[in-house]
PDB file of all heavy atoms in Angstrom:
ATOM      1  N   LEU A   1       0.818  -1.226  -0.007  1.00  0.00           N
ATOM      2  CA  LEU A   1       0.002   0.038   0.010  1.00  0.00           C
ATOM      3  C   LEU A   1       0.852   1.287   0.011  1.00  0.00           C
ATOM      4  O   LEU A   1       0.598   2.197  -0.693  1.00  0.00           O
ATOM      5  CB  LEU A   1      -0.950  -0.023   1.216  1.00  0.00           C
ATOM      6  CG  LEU A   1      -2.101  -1.049   1.086  1.00  0.00           C
ATOM      7  CD1 LEU A   1      -2.817  -1.145   2.433  1.00  0.00           C
ATOM      8  CD2 LEU A   1      -3.062  -0.605   0.023  1.00  0.00           C
ATOM      9  N   ASN A   2       1.950   1.263   0.772  1.00  0.00           N
ATOM     10  CA  ASN A   2       2.825   2.398   0.744  1.00  0.00           C
ATOM     11  C   ASN A   2       3.537   2.553  -0.592  1.00  0.00           C
ATOM     12  O   ASN A   2       3.702   3.655  -1.039  1.00  0.00           O
ATOM     13  CB  ASN A   2       3.869   2.255   1.902  1.00  0.00           C
ATOM     14  CG  ASN A   2       3.324   2.720   3.225  1.00  0.00           C
ATOM     15  OD1 ASN A   2       3.127   3.888   3.455  1.00  0.00           O
ATOM     16  ND2 ASN A   2       3.072   1.838   4.119  1.00  0.00           N
ATOM     17  N   ARG A   3       3.843   1.461  -1.212  1.00  0.00           N
ATOM     18  CA  ARG A   3       4.482   1.502  -2.544  1.00  0.00           C
ATOM     19  C   ARG A   3       3.641   2.134  -3.584  1.00  0.00           C
ATOM     20  O   ARG A   3       4.100   2.850  -4.456  1.00  0.00           O
ATOM     21  CB  ARG A   3       4.854   0.032  -2.923  1.00  0.00           C
ATOM     22  CG  ARG A   3       5.449  -0.082  -4.359  1.00  0.00           C
ATOM     23  CD  ARG A   3       6.784   0.595  -4.484  1.00  0.00           C
ATOM     24  NE  ARG A   3       7.819  -0.071  -3.741  1.00  0.00           N
ATOM     25  CZ  ARG A   3       8.841  -0.735  -4.215  1.00  0.00           C
ATOM     26  NH1 ARG A   3       8.991  -0.790  -5.475  1.00  0.00           N
ATOM     27  NH2 ARG A   3       9.735  -1.224  -3.422  1.00  0.00           N
ATOM     28  N   ILE A   4       2.267   1.976  -3.491  1.00  0.00           N
ATOM     29  CA  ILE A   4       1.403   2.589  -4.464  1.00  0.00           C
ATOM     30  C   ILE A   4       0.922   3.973  -3.997  1.00  0.00           C
ATOM     31  O   ILE A   4      -0.027   4.500  -4.584  1.00  0.00           O
ATOM     32  CB  ILE A   4       0.219   1.687  -4.844  1.00  0.00           C
ATOM     33  CG1 ILE A   4      -0.699   1.416  -3.569  1.00  0.00           C
ATOM     34  CG2 ILE A   4       0.739   0.359  -5.451  1.00  0.00           C
ATOM     35  CD1 ILE A   4      -1.987   0.698  -3.951  1.00  0.00           C
ATOM     36  N   GLY A   5       1.531   4.552  -2.919  1.00  0.00           N
ATOM     37  CA  GLY A   5       1.239   5.893  -2.563  1.00  0.00           C
ATOM     38  C   GLY A   5       0.235   6.072  -1.489  1.00  0.00           C
ATOM     39  O   GLY A   5      -0.107   7.212  -1.128  1.00  0.00           O
ATOM     40  N   LYS A   6      -0.219   5.012  -0.864  1.00  0.00           N
ATOM     41  CA  LYS A   6      -1.187   5.082   0.249  1.00  0.00           C
ATOM     42  C   LYS A   6      -0.380   5.268   1.576  1.00  0.00           C
ATOM     43  O   LYS A   6       0.751   4.884   1.652  1.00  0.00           O
ATOM     44  CB  LYS A   6      -2.042   3.844   0.383  1.00  0.00           C
ATOM     45  CG  LYS A   6      -2.824   3.523  -0.885  1.00  0.00           C
ATOM     46  CD  LYS A   6      -3.836   4.618  -1.199  1.00  0.00           C
ATOM     47  CE  LYS A   6      -4.655   4.218  -2.469  1.00  0.00           C
ATOM     48  NZ  LYS A   6      -5.531   5.250  -2.783  1.00  0.00           N
ATOM     49  N   ASN A   7      -0.936   5.869   2.557  1.00  0.00           N
ATOM     50  CA  ASN A   7      -0.338   6.059   3.868  1.00  0.00           C
ATOM     51  C   ASN A   7      -0.792   4.922   4.729  1.00  0.00           C
ATOM     52  O   ASN A   7      -1.895   4.933   5.277  1.00  0.00           O
ATOM     53  CB  ASN A   7      -0.707   7.424   4.486  1.00  0.00           C
ATOM     54  CG  ASN A   7       0.024   7.679   5.702  1.00  0.00           C
ATOM     55  OD1 ASN A   7       0.948   7.014   6.088  1.00  0.00           O
ATOM     56  ND2 ASN A   7      -0.293   8.771   6.351  1.00  0.00           N
ATOM     57  N   ALA A   8       0.034   3.852   4.819  1.00  0.00           N
ATOM     58  CA  ALA A   8      -0.377   2.625   5.565  1.00  0.00           C
ATOM     59  C   ALA A   8       0.569   2.334   6.687  1.00  0.00           C
ATOM     60  O   ALA A   8       1.760   2.556   6.566  1.00  0.00           O
ATOM     61  CB  ALA A   8      -0.436   1.460   4.617  1.00  0.00           C
ATOM     62  N   ILE A   9       0.011   1.896   7.817  1.00  0.00           N
ATOM     63  CA  ILE A   9       0.825   1.456   8.955  1.00  0.00           C
ATOM     64  C   ILE A   9       0.322   0.088   9.383  1.00  0.00           C
ATOM     65  O   ILE A   9      -0.841  -0.190   9.371  1.00  0.00           O
ATOM     66  CB  ILE A   9       0.559   2.449  10.173  1.00  0.00           C
ATOM     67  CG1 ILE A   9       0.909   3.845   9.795  1.00  0.00           C
ATOM     68  CG2 ILE A   9       1.321   2.026  11.394  1.00  0.00           C
ATOM     69  CD1 ILE A   9       0.463   4.876  10.799  1.00  0.00           C
ATOM     70  N   ALA A  10       1.298  -0.764   9.810  1.00  0.00           N
ATOM     71  CA  ALA A  10       0.982  -2.055  10.281  1.00  0.00           C
ATOM     72  C   ALA A  10       1.169  -2.056  11.787  1.00  0.00           C
ATOM     73  O   ALA A  10       2.171  -1.520  12.272  1.00  0.00           O
ATOM     74  CB  ALA A  10       1.854  -3.147   9.620  1.00  0.00           C
ATOM     75  N   ALA A  11       0.291  -2.710  12.506  1.00  0.00           N
ATOM     76  CA  ALA A  11       0.436  -2.894  13.959  1.00  0.00           C
ATOM     77  C   ALA A  11       0.256  -4.368  14.212  1.00  0.00           C
ATOM     78  O   ALA A  11      -0.738  -4.980  13.879  1.00  0.00           O
ATOM     79  CB  ALA A  11      -0.638  -2.093  14.708  1.00  0.00           C
ATOM     80  N   LEU A  12       1.277  -4.994  14.831  1.00  0.00           N
ATOM     81  CA  LEU A  12       1.218  -6.357  15.140  1.00  0.00           C
ATOM     82  C   LEU A  12       1.206  -6.516  16.665  1.00  0.00           C
ATOM     83  O   LEU A  12       2.124  -6.108  17.333  1.00  0.00           O
ATOM     84  CB  LEU A  12       2.487  -7.082  14.592  1.00  0.00           C
ATOM     85  CG  LEU A  12       2.650  -7.073  13.073  1.00  0.00           C
ATOM     86  CD1 LEU A  12       3.975  -7.709  12.711  1.00  0.00           C
ATOM     87  CD2 LEU A  12       1.508  -7.775  12.411  1.00  0.00           C
ATOM     88  N   ARG A  13       0.139  -7.127  17.133  1.00  0.00           N
ATOM     89  CA  ARG A  13       0.000  -7.254  18.557  1.00  0.00           C
ATOM     90  C   ARG A  13       0.903  -8.345  19.098  1.00  0.00           C
ATOM     91  O   ARG A  13       1.571  -8.161  20.094  1.00  0.00           O
ATOM     92  CB  ARG A  13      -1.437  -7.588  18.925  1.00  0.00           C
ATOM     93  CG  ARG A  13      -1.685  -7.621  20.412  1.00  0.00           C
ATOM     94  CD  ARG A  13      -3.222  -7.723  20.698  1.00  0.00           C
ATOM     95  NE  ARG A  13      -3.341  -8.388  21.969  1.00  0.00           N
ATOM     96  CZ  ARG A  13      -3.752  -9.606  22.175  1.00  0.00           C
ATOM     97  NH1 ARG A  13      -4.051 -10.358  21.145  1.00  0.00           N
ATOM     98  NH2 ARG A  13      -3.869 -10.104  23.359  1.00  0.00           N
ATOM     99  N   GLU A  14       0.993  -9.505  18.456  1.00  0.00           N
ATOM    100  CA  GLU A  14       1.894 -10.556  18.886  1.00  0.00           C
ATOM    101  C   GLU A  14       2.459 -11.241  17.665  1.00  0.00           C
ATOM    102  O   GLU A  14       2.084 -12.330  17.300  1.00  0.00           O
ATOM    103  CB  GLU A  14       1.048 -11.585  19.713  1.00  0.00           C
ATOM    104  CG  GLU A  14       0.562 -11.001  21.030  1.00  0.00           C
ATOM    105  CD  GLU A  14      -0.169 -12.117  21.854  1.00  0.00           C
ATOM    106  OE1 GLU A  14      -0.219 -13.258  21.459  1.00  0.00           O
ATOM    107  OE2 GLU A  14      -0.778 -11.715  22.874  1.00  0.00           O
ATOM    108  N   PRO A  15       3.546 -10.619  17.082  1.00  0.00           N
ATOM    109  CA  PRO A  15       4.229 -11.301  16.022  1.00  0.00           C
ATOM    110  C   PRO A  15       4.865 -12.563  16.512  1.00  0.00           C
ATOM    111  O   PRO A  15       5.057 -12.715  17.724  1.00  0.00           O
ATOM    112  CB  PRO A  15       5.233 -10.294  15.492  1.00  0.00           C
ATOM    113  CG  PRO A  15       5.475  -9.377  16.662  1.00  0.00           C
ATOM    114  CD  PRO A  15       4.114  -9.353  17.415  1.00  0.00           C
ATOM    115  N   SER A  16       5.260 -13.416  15.629  1.00  0.00           N
ATOM    116  CA  SER A  16       5.860 -14.664  16.076  1.00  0.00           C
ATOM    117  C   SER A  16       7.140 -14.374  16.936  1.00  0.00           C
ATOM    118  O   SER A  16       7.558 -13.246  17.006  1.00  0.00           O
ATOM    119  CB  SER A  16       6.183 -15.563  14.885  1.00  0.00           C
ATOM    120  OG  SER A  16       7.229 -15.045  14.199  1.00  0.00           O
ATOM    121  N   LEU A  17       7.652 -15.411  17.486  1.00  0.00           N
ATOM    122  CA  LEU A  17       8.673 -15.217  18.556  1.00  0.00           C
ATOM    123  C   LEU A  17       9.953 -14.687  18.072  1.00  0.00           C
ATOM    124  O   LEU A  17      10.857 -14.416  18.877  1.00  0.00           O
ATOM    125  CB  LEU A  17       8.872 -16.584  19.235  1.00  0.00           C
ATOM    126  CG  LEU A  17       7.610 -17.071  19.929  1.00  0.00           C
ATOM    127  CD1 LEU A  17       7.916 -18.496  20.472  1.00  0.00           C
ATOM    128  CD2 LEU A  17       7.276 -16.147  21.096  1.00  0.00           C
ATOM    129  N   GLY A  18      10.124 -14.440  16.827  1.00  0.00           N
ATOM    130  CA  GLY A  18      11.343 -13.804  16.319  1.00  0.00           C
ATOM    131  C   GLY A  18      12.503 -14.674  16.030  1.00  0.00           C
ATOM    132  O   GLY A  18      12.356 -15.913  16.029  1.00  0.00           O
ATOM    133  N   PRO A  19      13.657 -14.101  15.775  1.00  0.00           N
ATOM    134  CA  PRO A  19      14.765 -14.866  15.245  1.00  0.00           C
ATOM    135  C   PRO A  19      15.488 -15.758  16.319  1.00  0.00           C
ATOM    136  O   PRO A  19      16.343 -16.524  15.902  1.00  0.00           O
ATOM    137  CB  PRO A  19      15.703 -13.778  14.734  1.00  0.00           C
ATOM    138  CG  PRO A  19      15.378 -12.592  15.550  1.00  0.00           C
ATOM    139  CD  PRO A  19      13.938 -12.663  15.830  1.00  0.00           C
ATOM    140  N   VAL A  20      15.143 -15.673  17.564  1.00  0.00           N
ATOM    141  CA  VAL A  20      15.877 -16.496  18.506  1.00  0.00           C
ATOM    142  C   VAL A  20      15.066 -17.465  19.290  1.00  0.00           C
ATOM    143  O   VAL A  20      15.545 -18.236  20.052  1.00  0.00           O
ATOM    144  CB  VAL A  20      16.698 -15.539  19.486  1.00  0.00           C
ATOM    145  CG1 VAL A  20      17.752 -14.822  18.796  1.00  0.00           C
ATOM    146  CG2 VAL A  20      15.789 -14.601  20.221  1.00  0.00           C
ATOM    147  N   PHE A  21      13.745 -17.389  19.140  1.00  0.00           N
ATOM    148  CA  PHE A  21      12.853 -18.377  19.880  1.00  0.00           C
ATOM    149  C   PHE A  21      12.060 -19.204  18.893  1.00  0.00           C
ATOM    150  O   PHE A  21      11.803 -18.763  17.806  1.00  0.00           O
ATOM    151  CB  PHE A  21      11.867 -17.577  20.720  1.00  0.00           C
ATOM    152  CG  PHE A  21      12.480 -16.637  21.706  1.00  0.00           C
ATOM    153  CD1 PHE A  21      12.349 -15.231  21.491  1.00  0.00           C
ATOM    154  CD2 PHE A  21      13.097 -17.119  22.783  1.00  0.00           C
ATOM    155  CE1 PHE A  21      12.934 -14.390  22.405  1.00  0.00           C
ATOM    156  CE2 PHE A  21      13.712 -16.194  23.710  1.00  0.00           C
ATOM    157  CZ  PHE A  21      13.561 -14.866  23.522  1.00  0.00           C
ATOM    158  N   GLY A  22      11.728 -20.375  19.270  1.00  0.00           N
ATOM    159  CA  GLY A  22      10.829 -21.200  18.473  1.00  0.00           C
ATOM    160  C   GLY A  22      11.420 -21.611  17.172  1.00  0.00           C
ATOM    161  O   GLY A  22      12.591 -21.379  16.907  1.00  0.00           O
ATOM    162  N   ILE A  23      10.594 -22.183  16.268  1.00  0.00           N
ATOM    163  CA  ILE A  23      11.015 -22.645  14.992  1.00  0.00           C
ATOM    164  C   ILE A  23      10.458 -21.780  13.878  1.00  0.00           C
ATOM    165  O   ILE A  23      10.771 -22.061  12.735  1.00  0.00           O
ATOM    166  CB  ILE A  23      10.645 -24.087  14.788  1.00  0.00           C
ATOM    167  CG1 ILE A  23       9.097 -24.244  14.822  1.00  0.00           C
ATOM    168  CG2 ILE A  23      11.306 -25.009  15.753  1.00  0.00           C
ATOM    169  CD1 ILE A  23       8.624 -25.612  14.419  1.00  0.00           C
ATOM    170  N   LYS A  24       9.699 -20.736  14.195  1.00  0.00           N
ATOM    171  CA  LYS A  24       9.172 -19.924  13.115  1.00  0.00           C
ATOM    172  C   LYS A  24      10.218 -19.029  12.496  1.00  0.00           C
ATOM    173  O   LYS A  24      11.319 -18.852  13.002  1.00  0.00           O
ATOM    174  CB  LYS A  24       7.988 -19.169  13.659  1.00  0.00           C
ATOM    175  CG  LYS A  24       6.827 -20.079  14.054  1.00  0.00           C
ATOM    176  CD  LYS A  24       5.674 -19.338  14.628  1.00  0.00           C
ATOM    177  CE  LYS A  24       4.945 -18.561  13.578  1.00  0.00           C
ATOM    178  NZ  LYS A  24       3.796 -17.891  14.045  1.00  0.00           N
ATOM    179  N   GLY A  25       9.840 -18.310  11.439  1.00  0.00           N
ATOM    180  CA  GLY A  25      10.834 -17.556  10.600  1.00  0.00           C
ATOM    181  C   GLY A  25      11.102 -16.148  11.063  1.00  0.00           C
ATOM    182  O   GLY A  25      11.205 -15.319  10.179  1.00  0.00           O
ATOM    183  N   GLY A  26      11.277 -15.918  12.273  1.00  0.00           N
ATOM    184  CA  GLY A  26      11.664 -14.561  12.701  1.00  0.00           C
ATOM    185  C   GLY A  26      10.630 -13.519  12.421  1.00  0.00           C
ATOM    186  O   GLY A  26      10.918 -12.374  12.199  1.00  0.00           O
ATOM    187  N   ALA A  27       9.418 -13.946  12.441  1.00  0.00           N
ATOM    188  CA  ALA A  27       8.159 -13.118  12.315  1.00  0.00           C
ATOM    189  C   ALA A  27       7.687 -13.038  10.927  1.00  0.00           C
ATOM    190  O   ALA A  27       6.531 -12.763  10.665  1.00  0.00           O
ATOM    191  CB  ALA A  27       8.314 -11.736  12.895  1.00  0.00           C
ATOM    192  N   CYS A  28       8.549 -13.240   9.861  1.00  0.00           N
ATOM    193  CA  CYS A  28       7.958 -13.075   8.537  1.00  0.00           C
ATOM    194  C   CYS A  28       8.842 -13.878   7.524  1.00  0.00           C
ATOM    195  O   CYS A  28      10.070 -13.769   7.529  1.00  0.00           O
ATOM    196  CB  CYS A  28       7.999 -11.650   8.077  1.00  0.00           C
ATOM    197  SG  CYS A  28       6.792 -10.653   8.953  1.00  0.00           S
ATOM    198  N   GLY A  29       8.229 -14.575   6.634  1.00  0.00           N
ATOM    199  CA  GLY A  29       8.851 -15.066   5.459  1.00  0.00           C
ATOM    200  C   GLY A  29      10.107 -15.921   5.633  1.00  0.00           C
ATOM    201  O   GLY A  29      11.092 -15.740   4.935  1.00  0.00           O
ATOM    202  N   GLY A  30      10.123 -16.854   6.555  1.00  0.00           N
ATOM    203  CA  GLY A  30      11.221 -17.703   6.731  1.00  0.00           C
ATOM    204  C   GLY A  30      12.513 -16.992   7.136  1.00  0.00           C
ATOM    205  O   GLY A  30      13.623 -17.549   6.966  1.00  0.00           O
ATOM    206  N   GLY A  31      12.430 -15.802   7.752  1.00  0.00           N
ATOM    207  CA  GLY A  31      13.608 -15.101   8.297  1.00  0.00           C
ATOM    208  C   GLY A  31      14.107 -14.011   7.412  1.00  0.00           C
ATOM    209  O   GLY A  31      14.769 -13.162   7.921  1.00  0.00           O
ATOM    210  N   TYR A  32      13.833 -13.960   6.084  1.00  0.00           N
ATOM    211  CA  TYR A  32      14.389 -12.951   5.282  1.00  0.00           C
ATOM    212  C   TYR A  32      13.583 -11.663   5.231  1.00  0.00           C
ATOM    213  O   TYR A  32      14.074 -10.642   4.753  1.00  0.00           O
ATOM    214  CB  TYR A  32      14.604 -13.426   3.836  1.00  0.00           C
ATOM    215  CG  TYR A  32      15.811 -14.276   3.802  1.00  0.00           C
ATOM    216  CD1 TYR A  32      15.806 -15.693   3.901  1.00  0.00           C
ATOM    217  CD2 TYR A  32      17.102 -13.681   3.678  1.00  0.00           C
ATOM    218  CE1 TYR A  32      16.958 -16.422   3.861  1.00  0.00           C
ATOM    219  CE2 TYR A  32      18.253 -14.442   3.623  1.00  0.00           C
ATOM    220  CZ  TYR A  32      18.204 -15.816   3.767  1.00  0.00           C
ATOM    221  OH  TYR A  32      19.339 -16.520   3.728  1.00  0.00           O
TER     222      TYR A  32
END
């Protein structure tokens, strides 16, 4: 949305555990 010129904000209440906990991808996209 920002790329197409809209003013967008994301709010994440509880993103995944991040790069050092659990087996998930650091909150997004397998770590990258």
